[in-house]
């Protein structure tokens, strides 16, 4: 069996590093990207290592960050600049192999197994890191391992500008002692649940009883247990970039209809499905697109870009409904689709919040996290609204297909 060699490339403090590359005068200073640079609004999107040394953290209110670091330089996000830097980064990675899988704007995997015949993969990692620094003026950390999970964990072990090899024989000494909250795939909000089961380190999870883990965390818990033992069979998939560009769903109606109530109900269902996928992928969107296919197969698409990142179903539904009401001509519809685009990792998303909104947004986020965890463990039908329970169950369900193909073809 051929041994795999996977690299995980993680750009260091990406947004802040791009800004320092654009304006070298910022280098070495505490800077932060914020959704709103006013003291009493907005939260920190990301910050430089100089700012982090002063206690500035992602998602921290701006006023608190300024209290911790009075000399903090606040900059608004420039997503076009970041997208351009991201493209240049991935162009460098693809100059070595076609097996490059972007997972967010600033990180990706490379399958460099074929490089073994040419030299040591550490030398390749050094060359890639050097090129990213010299050609783009951007620092990175690189993990080298036999699978994606271990490569991701390795890249986190030395920042900034680190290169780490994590072999399976090193798991017990290097991986298992780490706190459970540092394991990729375990969110901060579930850490206490793991600790209540006396799972405080990755090693504790690796040695845990499989039935106990499945009982409390479902199938995802079993996947994490396997990863803690160094097992991850996922291939590096270059095509996943298409999934990252947009998240959408469409539905072919059981019969052509111009009943506005029924159509809006289907839009609501589609929006909920889109929102669930955004949550699972941990991404937000800066645009919503509506597709309408009429009874005679005429197809239109209409879209709207927004300044704030979207992830909640209420906000997506509001935009989708307005697009529908503004552009539907009243004729019968056979297919309807909702897609979100201009995707960005939720850790880089920002929302302009005032001090009174911030606490309520945090509570709503925690509730949504709980709902999604229950859906993941027990299935999509664990929650059903009153309308779904009381409506006639004999009505045939519409056939749901991937919206992406229609989105790209029309």
Protein backbone atom coordinates (compact mmCIF):
# COMPACT_ATOMS: atom_id res chain seq x y z
CA UNK A 1 0.00 0.00 0.00
CA UNK A 2 1.35 3.40 -1.01
CA UNK A 3 2.14 5.73 1.89
CA UNK A 4 0.48 9.12 1.79
CA UNK A 5 2.24 12.38 2.49
CA UNK A 6 -0.14 15.28 3.13
CA UNK A 7 0.78 18.91 3.73
CA UNK A 8 -1.53 21.36 5.47
CA UNK A 9 -0.65 24.97 4.68
CA UNK A 10 -2.07 27.52 7.11
CA UNK A 11 -1.41 31.20 6.53
CA UNK A 12 -0.48 33.06 9.72
CA UNK A 13 -2.84 35.85 10.80
CA UNK A 14 -3.89 36.06 7.16
CA UNK A 15 -5.97 39.25 6.98
CA UNK A 16 -3.56 41.18 9.16
CA UNK A 17 -0.55 39.81 7.23
CA UNK A 18 -2.13 40.86 3.91
CA UNK A 19 -2.61 44.38 5.27
CA UNK A 20 1.02 44.51 6.43
CA UNK A 21 2.16 43.32 3.01
CA UNK A 22 0.04 46.05 1.39
CA UNK A 23 1.37 48.72 3.78
CA UNK A 24 4.82 47.77 5.16
CA UNK A 25 4.60 50.63 7.68
CA UNK A 26 2.18 48.42 9.65
CA UNK A 27 4.75 45.65 10.08
CA UNK A 28 5.64 44.94 13.69
CA UNK A 29 2.71 46.95 15.06
CA UNK A 30 -0.43 45.71 16.82
CA UNK A 31 -3.16 45.78 14.19
CA UNK A 32 -6.63 44.28 14.02
CA UNK A 33 -9.35 43.91 11.39
CA UNK A 34 -12.75 44.93 12.70
CA UNK A 35 -16.22 44.98 11.19
CA UNK A 36 -16.69 48.49 12.46
CA UNK A 37 -13.67 50.44 13.64
CA UNK A 38 -15.71 52.69 15.95
CA UNK A 39 -14.97 52.04 19.62
CA UNK A 40 -18.55 51.24 20.62
CA UNK A 41 -19.46 49.07 17.65
CA UNK A 42 -18.15 45.99 15.94
CA UNK A 43 -16.01 43.04 16.91
CA UNK A 44 -12.48 41.92 16.09
CA UNK A 45 -12.25 39.70 13.00
CA UNK A 46 -8.55 38.86 13.37
CA UNK A 47 -5.41 40.50 14.65
CA UNK A 48 -1.63 40.46 14.27
CA UNK A 49 0.56 38.48 16.64
CA UNK A 50 1.70 41.76 18.22
CA UNK A 51 -1.94 42.51 19.10
CA UNK A 52 -2.55 38.97 20.33
CA UNK A 53 0.38 39.34 22.70
CA UNK A 54 -1.60 42.16 24.35
CA UNK A 55 -4.67 39.94 24.77
CA UNK A 56 -6.61 40.96 21.65
CA UNK A 57 -8.71 38.01 20.43
CA UNK A 58 -11.05 37.18 17.56
CA UNK A 59 -14.75 38.02 18.29
CA UNK A 60 -13.73 40.42 21.08
CA UNK A 61 -15.68 43.72 21.15
CA UNK A 62 -13.60 46.59 19.77
CA UNK A 63 -13.89 48.62 22.96
CA UNK A 64 -12.43 45.78 25.00
CA UNK A 65 -9.58 45.29 22.53
CA UNK A 66 -8.72 48.99 22.77
CA UNK A 67 -8.73 48.83 26.56
CA UNK A 68 -6.23 45.97 26.43
CA UNK A 69 -4.12 47.56 23.69
CA UNK A 70 -4.56 51.36 23.47
CA UNK A 71 -2.13 51.56 20.53
CA UNK A 72 -4.12 49.02 18.51
CA UNK A 73 -4.45 50.04 14.84
CA UNK A 74 -7.96 49.18 13.61
CA UNK A 75 -8.60 48.50 9.93
CA UNK A 76 -11.86 47.66 8.10
CA UNK A 77 -11.93 44.38 6.13
CA UNK A 78 -10.93 44.48 2.47
CA UNK A 79 -12.25 41.18 1.12
CA UNK A 80 -11.20 41.85 -2.48
CA UNK A 81 -7.62 42.29 -1.30
CA UNK A 82 -7.81 39.06 0.72
CA UNK A 83 -9.34 37.09 -2.15
CA UNK A 84 -6.56 38.27 -4.46
CA UNK A 85 -3.89 37.17 -1.96
CA UNK A 86 -5.65 33.83 -1.50
CA UNK A 87 -5.67 33.18 -5.25
CA UNK A 88 -1.94 33.93 -5.46
CA UNK A 89 -1.29 31.59 -2.54
CA UNK A 90 -3.15 28.67 -4.12
CA UNK A 91 -1.47 29.35 -7.49
CA UNK A 92 1.87 28.72 -5.78
CA UNK A 93 0.59 25.48 -4.20
CA UNK A 94 -0.78 24.23 -7.53
CA UNK A 95 2.57 24.82 -9.20
CA UNK A 96 3.74 21.68 -7.35
CA UNK A 97 0.72 19.38 -7.73
CA UNK A 98 -2.87 19.31 -8.97
CA UNK A 99 -3.89 17.62 -5.71
CA UNK A 100 -4.61 20.82 -3.79
CA UNK A 101 -7.77 21.15 -1.69
CA UNK A 102 -8.71 24.63 -0.46
CA UNK A 103 -10.64 24.48 2.79
CA UNK A 104 -10.91 28.21 3.44
CA UNK A 105 -9.56 31.46 2.10
CA UNK A 106 -6.24 31.00 3.92
CA UNK A 107 -5.61 27.27 4.27
CA UNK A 108 -5.49 24.12 2.20
CA UNK A 109 -4.21 20.56 1.86
CA UNK A 110 -1.70 19.16 -0.63
CA UNK A 111 -1.17 15.49 -1.45
CA UNK A 112 2.56 15.33 -2.23
CA UNK A 113 2.96 11.55 -2.03
CA UNK A 114 4.63 11.48 -5.44
CA UNK A 115 7.30 13.88 -4.17
CA UNK A 116 8.84 11.06 -2.08
CA UNK A 117 10.81 9.92 -5.13
CA UNK A 118 12.34 13.41 -5.51
CA UNK A 119 13.34 14.22 -1.96
CA UNK A 120 12.23 14.66 1.64
CA UNK A 121 8.84 16.37 2.05
CA UNK A 122 10.36 18.67 4.68
CA UNK A 123 12.49 20.22 1.94
CA UNK A 124 9.37 20.79 -0.14
CA UNK A 125 7.60 22.42 2.81
CA UNK A 126 10.59 24.71 3.34
CA UNK A 127 10.52 25.73 -0.32
CA UNK A 128 6.77 26.44 -0.29
CA UNK A 129 7.03 28.44 2.91
CA UNK A 130 9.97 30.40 1.49
CA UNK A 131 8.09 31.21 -1.74
CA UNK A 132 4.97 32.35 0.10
CA UNK A 133 7.16 34.66 2.16
CA UNK A 134 9.37 36.00 -0.66
CA UNK A 135 6.79 36.26 -3.48
CA UNK A 136 3.70 37.29 -1.48
CA UNK A 137 5.29 38.63 1.71
CA UNK A 138 2.98 36.32 3.69
CA UNK A 139 4.01 34.01 6.57
CA UNK A 140 2.68 30.46 6.87
CA UNK A 141 2.86 27.33 9.00
CA UNK A 142 2.95 23.86 7.43
CA UNK A 143 2.09 20.46 8.84
CA UNK A 144 3.43 17.23 7.31
CA UNK A 145 1.65 13.95 8.06
CA UNK A 146 0.23 10.74 6.56
CA UNK A 147 -3.36 12.08 6.57
CA UNK A 148 -5.35 15.31 6.61
CA UNK A 149 -6.27 15.34 10.29
CA UNK A 150 -2.70 14.85 11.50
CA UNK A 151 -1.40 17.41 8.98
CA UNK A 152 -3.91 19.97 10.27
CA UNK A 153 -2.92 19.30 13.90
CA UNK A 154 0.76 19.53 12.96
CA UNK A 155 0.41 22.94 11.28
CA UNK A 156 -1.09 24.33 14.51
CA UNK A 157 1.88 23.21 16.62
CA UNK A 158 4.33 25.93 15.53
CA UNK A 159 3.10 29.43 14.70
CA UNK A 160 4.13 31.65 13.09
CA UNK A 161 6.48 30.29 10.38
CA UNK A 162 6.62 26.73 11.68
CA UNK A 163 7.05 23.39 9.93
CA UNK A 164 6.06 20.29 11.90
CA UNK A 165 6.15 16.60 11.03
CA UNK A 166 3.60 14.41 12.82
CA UNK A 167 4.02 10.69 12.15
CA UNK A 168 1.70 8.03 13.48
CA UNK A 169 4.45 6.77 15.76
CA UNK A 170 4.60 10.27 17.30
CA UNK A 171 0.90 10.44 18.16
CA UNK A 172 1.25 9.20 21.74
CA UNK A 173 4.01 11.66 22.61
CA UNK A 174 3.00 14.74 20.55
CA UNK A 175 -0.78 14.54 20.03
CA UNK A 176 -2.29 12.76 23.01
CA UNK A 177 -1.04 15.17 25.72
CA UNK A 178 -2.83 18.13 24.07
CA UNK A 179 -6.00 19.49 25.76
CA UNK A 180 -9.20 18.22 24.17
CA UNK A 181 -10.18 21.77 23.15
CA UNK A 182 -7.14 21.93 20.84
CA UNK A 183 -8.34 19.01 18.73
CA UNK A 184 -9.49 19.98 15.25
CA UNK A 185 -13.21 19.26 14.99
CA UNK A 186 -14.07 19.96 18.62
CA UNK A 187 -15.62 23.36 19.19
CA UNK A 188 -15.03 25.50 22.24
CA UNK A 189 -18.72 25.32 23.09
CA UNK A 190 -18.67 21.53 23.47
CA UNK A 191 -15.45 21.35 25.50
CA UNK A 192 -17.27 21.20 28.85
CA UNK A 193 -19.42 18.31 27.63
CA UNK A 194 -16.28 16.31 26.84
CA UNK A 195 -14.71 17.18 30.18
CA UNK A 196 -17.80 16.00 32.07
CA UNK A 197 -16.99 12.54 30.68
CA UNK A 198 -13.44 12.88 32.04
CA UNK A 199 -12.10 13.41 28.52
CA UNK A 200 -9.63 16.21 29.15
CA UNK A 201 -6.96 15.41 26.56
CA UNK A 202 -6.86 14.00 23.04
CA UNK A 203 -5.30 10.89 24.57
CA UNK A 204 -8.34 10.46 26.83
CA UNK A 205 -10.55 10.48 23.75
CA UNK A 206 -8.30 8.02 21.91
CA UNK A 207 -8.67 5.51 24.77
CA UNK A 208 -12.38 6.17 25.46
CA UNK A 209 -15.15 3.58 25.21
CA UNK A 210 -16.65 3.71 21.72
CA UNK A 211 -20.24 3.05 22.88
CA UNK A 212 -20.03 5.85 25.46
CA UNK A 213 -18.77 8.31 22.86
CA UNK A 214 -21.51 7.33 20.39
CA UNK A 215 -24.17 7.68 23.09
CA UNK A 216 -23.16 11.25 23.90
CA UNK A 217 -21.85 12.54 20.57
CA UNK A 218 -23.35 10.32 17.87
CA UNK A 219 -21.56 9.30 14.69
CA UNK A 220 -19.46 12.46 14.74
CA UNK A 221 -18.04 11.37 18.10
CA UNK A 222 -16.94 8.06 16.57
CA UNK A 223 -15.19 9.92 13.75
CA UNK A 224 -13.35 12.07 16.29
CA UNK A 225 -12.31 9.00 18.30
CA UNK A 226 -10.80 7.45 15.17
CA UNK A 227 -8.96 10.68 14.34
CA UNK A 228 -7.59 10.84 17.89
CA UNK A 229 -6.01 7.46 17.15
CA UNK A 230 -4.50 8.83 13.93
CA UNK A 231 -7.00 7.34 11.48
CA UNK A 232 -8.34 9.57 8.68
CA UNK A 233 -9.04 8.11 5.24
CA UNK A 234 -10.33 11.30 3.59
CA UNK A 235 -8.54 12.01 0.29
CA UNK A 236 -7.31 15.42 -0.77
CA UNK A 237 -10.14 16.53 -3.07
CA UNK A 238 -9.39 19.43 -5.47
CA UNK A 239 -13.04 19.54 -6.56
CA UNK A 240 -14.24 20.56 -3.11
CA UNK A 241 -13.45 24.16 -4.08
CA UNK A 242 -16.71 24.22 -6.06
CA UNK A 243 -18.64 23.37 -2.91
CA UNK A 244 -16.83 26.16 -1.12
CA UNK A 245 -17.83 28.80 -3.67
CA UNK A 246 -21.59 28.44 -3.14
CA UNK A 247 -24.06 26.62 -0.93
CA UNK A 248 -27.52 26.02 -2.36
CA UNK A 249 -30.54 23.80 -2.78
CA UNK A 250 -33.38 23.57 -5.30
CA UNK A 251 -36.67 21.73 -5.42
CA UNK A 252 -38.79 20.51 -8.32
CA UNK A 253 -42.41 21.06 -7.30
CA UNK A 254 -44.79 18.05 -7.45
CA UNK A 255 -46.86 20.07 -9.96
CA UNK A 256 -46.58 23.48 -11.63
CA UNK A 257 -48.14 26.15 -9.44
CA UNK A 258 -48.63 29.89 -9.15
CA UNK A 259 -49.94 29.62 -5.57
CA UNK A 260 -47.79 32.22 -3.82
CA UNK A 261 -48.32 30.71 -0.37
CA UNK A 262 -47.12 27.27 -1.46
CA UNK A 263 -44.13 28.74 -3.30
CA UNK A 264 -43.06 30.84 -0.29
CA UNK A 265 -43.40 27.77 1.91
CA UNK A 266 -41.00 25.88 -0.38
CA UNK A 267 -38.60 28.82 -0.30
CA UNK A 268 -38.70 28.64 3.50
CA UNK A 269 -37.79 24.93 3.42
CA UNK A 270 -34.94 25.57 0.99
CA UNK A 271 -33.58 28.41 3.12
CA UNK A 272 -33.56 26.14 6.18
CA UNK A 273 -31.60 23.49 4.26
CA UNK A 274 -29.10 26.10 3.04
CA UNK A 275 -28.67 27.48 6.55
CA UNK A 276 -27.97 24.01 7.96
CA UNK A 277 -25.25 23.41 5.35
CA UNK A 278 -23.68 26.82 6.04
CA UNK A 279 -23.58 25.90 9.74
CA UNK A 280 -22.08 22.47 9.07
CA UNK A 281 -19.43 23.96 6.79
CA UNK A 282 -18.85 26.78 9.31
CA UNK A 283 -19.09 29.44 6.62
CA UNK A 284 -21.05 32.63 5.98
CA UNK A 285 -22.21 34.19 2.71
CA UNK A 286 -22.20 37.70 1.29
CA UNK A 287 -24.84 37.05 -1.37
CA UNK A 288 -28.15 35.29 -2.00
CA UNK A 289 -29.35 34.06 -5.39
CA UNK A 290 -32.86 32.99 -6.39
CA UNK A 291 -33.58 30.77 -9.37
CA UNK A 292 -37.05 30.37 -10.88
CA UNK A 293 -37.82 27.83 -13.59
CA UNK A 294 -41.25 28.40 -15.10
CA UNK A 295 -43.74 25.86 -16.45
CA UNK A 296 -42.33 26.31 -19.97
CA UNK A 297 -38.73 25.77 -18.76
CA UNK A 298 -37.78 29.44 -19.02
CA UNK A 299 -35.26 30.06 -16.24
CA UNK A 300 -34.26 33.29 -14.51
CA UNK A 301 -31.73 33.96 -11.75
CA UNK A 302 -31.67 37.07 -9.60
CA UNK A 303 -29.20 37.85 -6.85
CA UNK A 304 -28.36 40.38 -4.17
CA UNK A 305 -25.02 41.06 -2.48
CA UNK A 306 -24.95 42.43 1.06
CA UNK A 307 -22.34 44.03 3.30
CA UNK A 308 -22.92 41.83 6.35
CA UNK A 309 -22.20 38.08 6.28
CA UNK A 310 -25.26 35.82 6.31
CA UNK A 311 -25.74 32.52 8.09
CA UNK A 312 -29.12 32.71 9.88
CA UNK A 313 -32.22 31.49 8.06
CA UNK A 314 -34.35 34.56 8.90
CA UNK A 315 -31.93 36.93 7.14
CA UNK A 316 -31.53 34.63 4.12
CA UNK A 317 -35.31 34.17 3.86
CA UNK A 318 -35.94 37.92 4.00
CA UNK A 319 -33.64 38.53 1.01
CA UNK A 320 -34.92 35.49 -0.91
CA UNK A 321 -38.54 36.53 -0.39
CA UNK A 322 -37.85 40.08 -1.62
CA UNK A 323 -36.06 38.75 -4.71
CA UNK A 324 -39.05 36.51 -5.38
CA UNK A 325 -41.67 39.24 -4.94
CA UNK A 326 -39.66 41.70 -7.07
CA UNK A 327 -39.01 39.33 -9.98
CA UNK A 328 -41.75 36.69 -10.15
CA UNK A 329 -44.07 37.40 -13.08
CA UNK A 330 -47.03 35.49 -11.63
CA UNK A 331 -46.80 32.51 -13.98
CA UNK A 332 -46.73 28.88 -12.80
CA UNK A 333 -43.41 27.61 -11.48
CA UNK A 334 -41.99 24.08 -11.78
CA UNK A 335 -38.67 24.54 -9.93
CA UNK A 336 -37.37 26.99 -7.33
CA UNK A 337 -33.80 27.31 -6.01
CA UNK A 338 -31.97 29.29 -3.34
CA UNK A 339 -28.18 29.65 -3.28
CA UNK A 340 -25.75 31.61 -1.15
CA UNK A 341 -22.43 32.72 -2.63
CA UNK A 342 -19.28 34.73 -1.88
CA UNK A 343 -18.57 32.27 0.90
CA UNK A 344 -16.14 33.08 3.71
CA UNK A 345 -15.07 31.05 6.74
CA UNK A 346 -17.22 32.07 9.71
CA UNK A 347 -14.12 32.73 11.80
CA UNK A 348 -13.39 35.64 9.43
CA UNK A 349 -16.97 36.87 9.18
CA UNK A 350 -17.91 40.01 11.01
CA UNK A 351 -21.12 41.64 12.08
CA UNK A 352 -21.53 45.20 13.25
CA UNK A 353 -23.00 44.84 16.73
CA UNK A 354 -23.68 47.50 19.28
CA UNK A 355 -23.16 46.75 22.95
CA UNK A 356 -26.83 45.96 23.53
CA UNK A 357 -27.01 43.48 20.64
CA UNK A 358 -23.81 41.64 21.46
CA UNK A 359 -25.09 39.62 24.43
CA UNK A 360 -28.31 38.60 22.66
CA UNK A 361 -26.37 37.56 19.56
CA UNK A 362 -24.14 35.35 21.72
CA UNK A 363 -27.18 33.66 23.31
CA UNK A 364 -28.79 33.10 19.90
CA UNK A 365 -25.54 31.64 18.57
CA UNK A 366 -25.32 29.18 21.50
CA UNK A 367 -28.95 28.11 20.93
CA UNK A 368 -28.33 27.55 17.21
CA UNK A 369 -25.21 25.52 18.01
CA UNK A 370 -27.26 23.26 20.30
CA UNK A 371 -29.95 22.77 17.67
CA UNK A 372 -27.39 21.86 15.01
CA UNK A 373 -25.68 19.39 17.36
CA UNK A 374 -29.00 17.65 18.00
CA UNK A 375 -29.75 17.54 14.28
CA UNK A 376 -26.33 16.04 13.58
CA UNK A 377 -26.76 13.39 16.26
CA UNK A 378 -30.42 12.43 15.78
CA UNK A 379 -31.15 13.44 12.18
CA UNK A 380 -32.83 16.30 10.35
CA UNK A 381 -36.35 15.43 11.60
CA UNK A 382 -35.55 15.83 15.30
CA UNK A 383 -37.26 19.25 15.10
CA UNK A 384 -40.53 19.77 13.23
CA UNK A 385 -42.57 22.93 13.37
CA UNK A 386 -46.29 22.93 14.21
CA UNK A 387 -47.30 23.55 10.59
CA UNK A 388 -45.41 20.46 9.40
CA UNK A 389 -46.99 18.29 12.12
CA UNK A 390 -50.56 19.32 11.34
CA UNK A 391 -50.44 19.42 7.53
CA UNK A 392 -51.64 16.50 5.40
CA UNK A 393 -48.86 13.89 5.43
CA UNK A 394 -50.22 12.29 2.26
CA UNK A 395 -49.05 15.16 0.07
CA UNK A 396 -46.17 13.86 -2.05
CA UNK A 397 -42.80 15.39 -1.15
CA UNK A 398 -41.04 17.40 -3.87
CA UNK A 399 -37.83 15.92 -5.26
CA UNK A 400 -34.81 17.80 -3.95
CA UNK A 401 -31.69 18.01 -6.07
CA UNK A 402 -28.38 19.85 -5.84
CA UNK A 403 -28.86 23.44 -6.87
CA UNK A 404 -25.25 23.92 -7.80
CA UNK A 405 -25.52 22.34 -11.26
CA UNK A 406 -28.46 24.56 -12.16
CA UNK A 407 -26.69 27.54 -10.60
CA UNK A 408 -23.65 27.08 -12.81
CA UNK A 409 -25.50 26.19 -16.00
CA UNK A 410 -28.05 28.98 -16.15
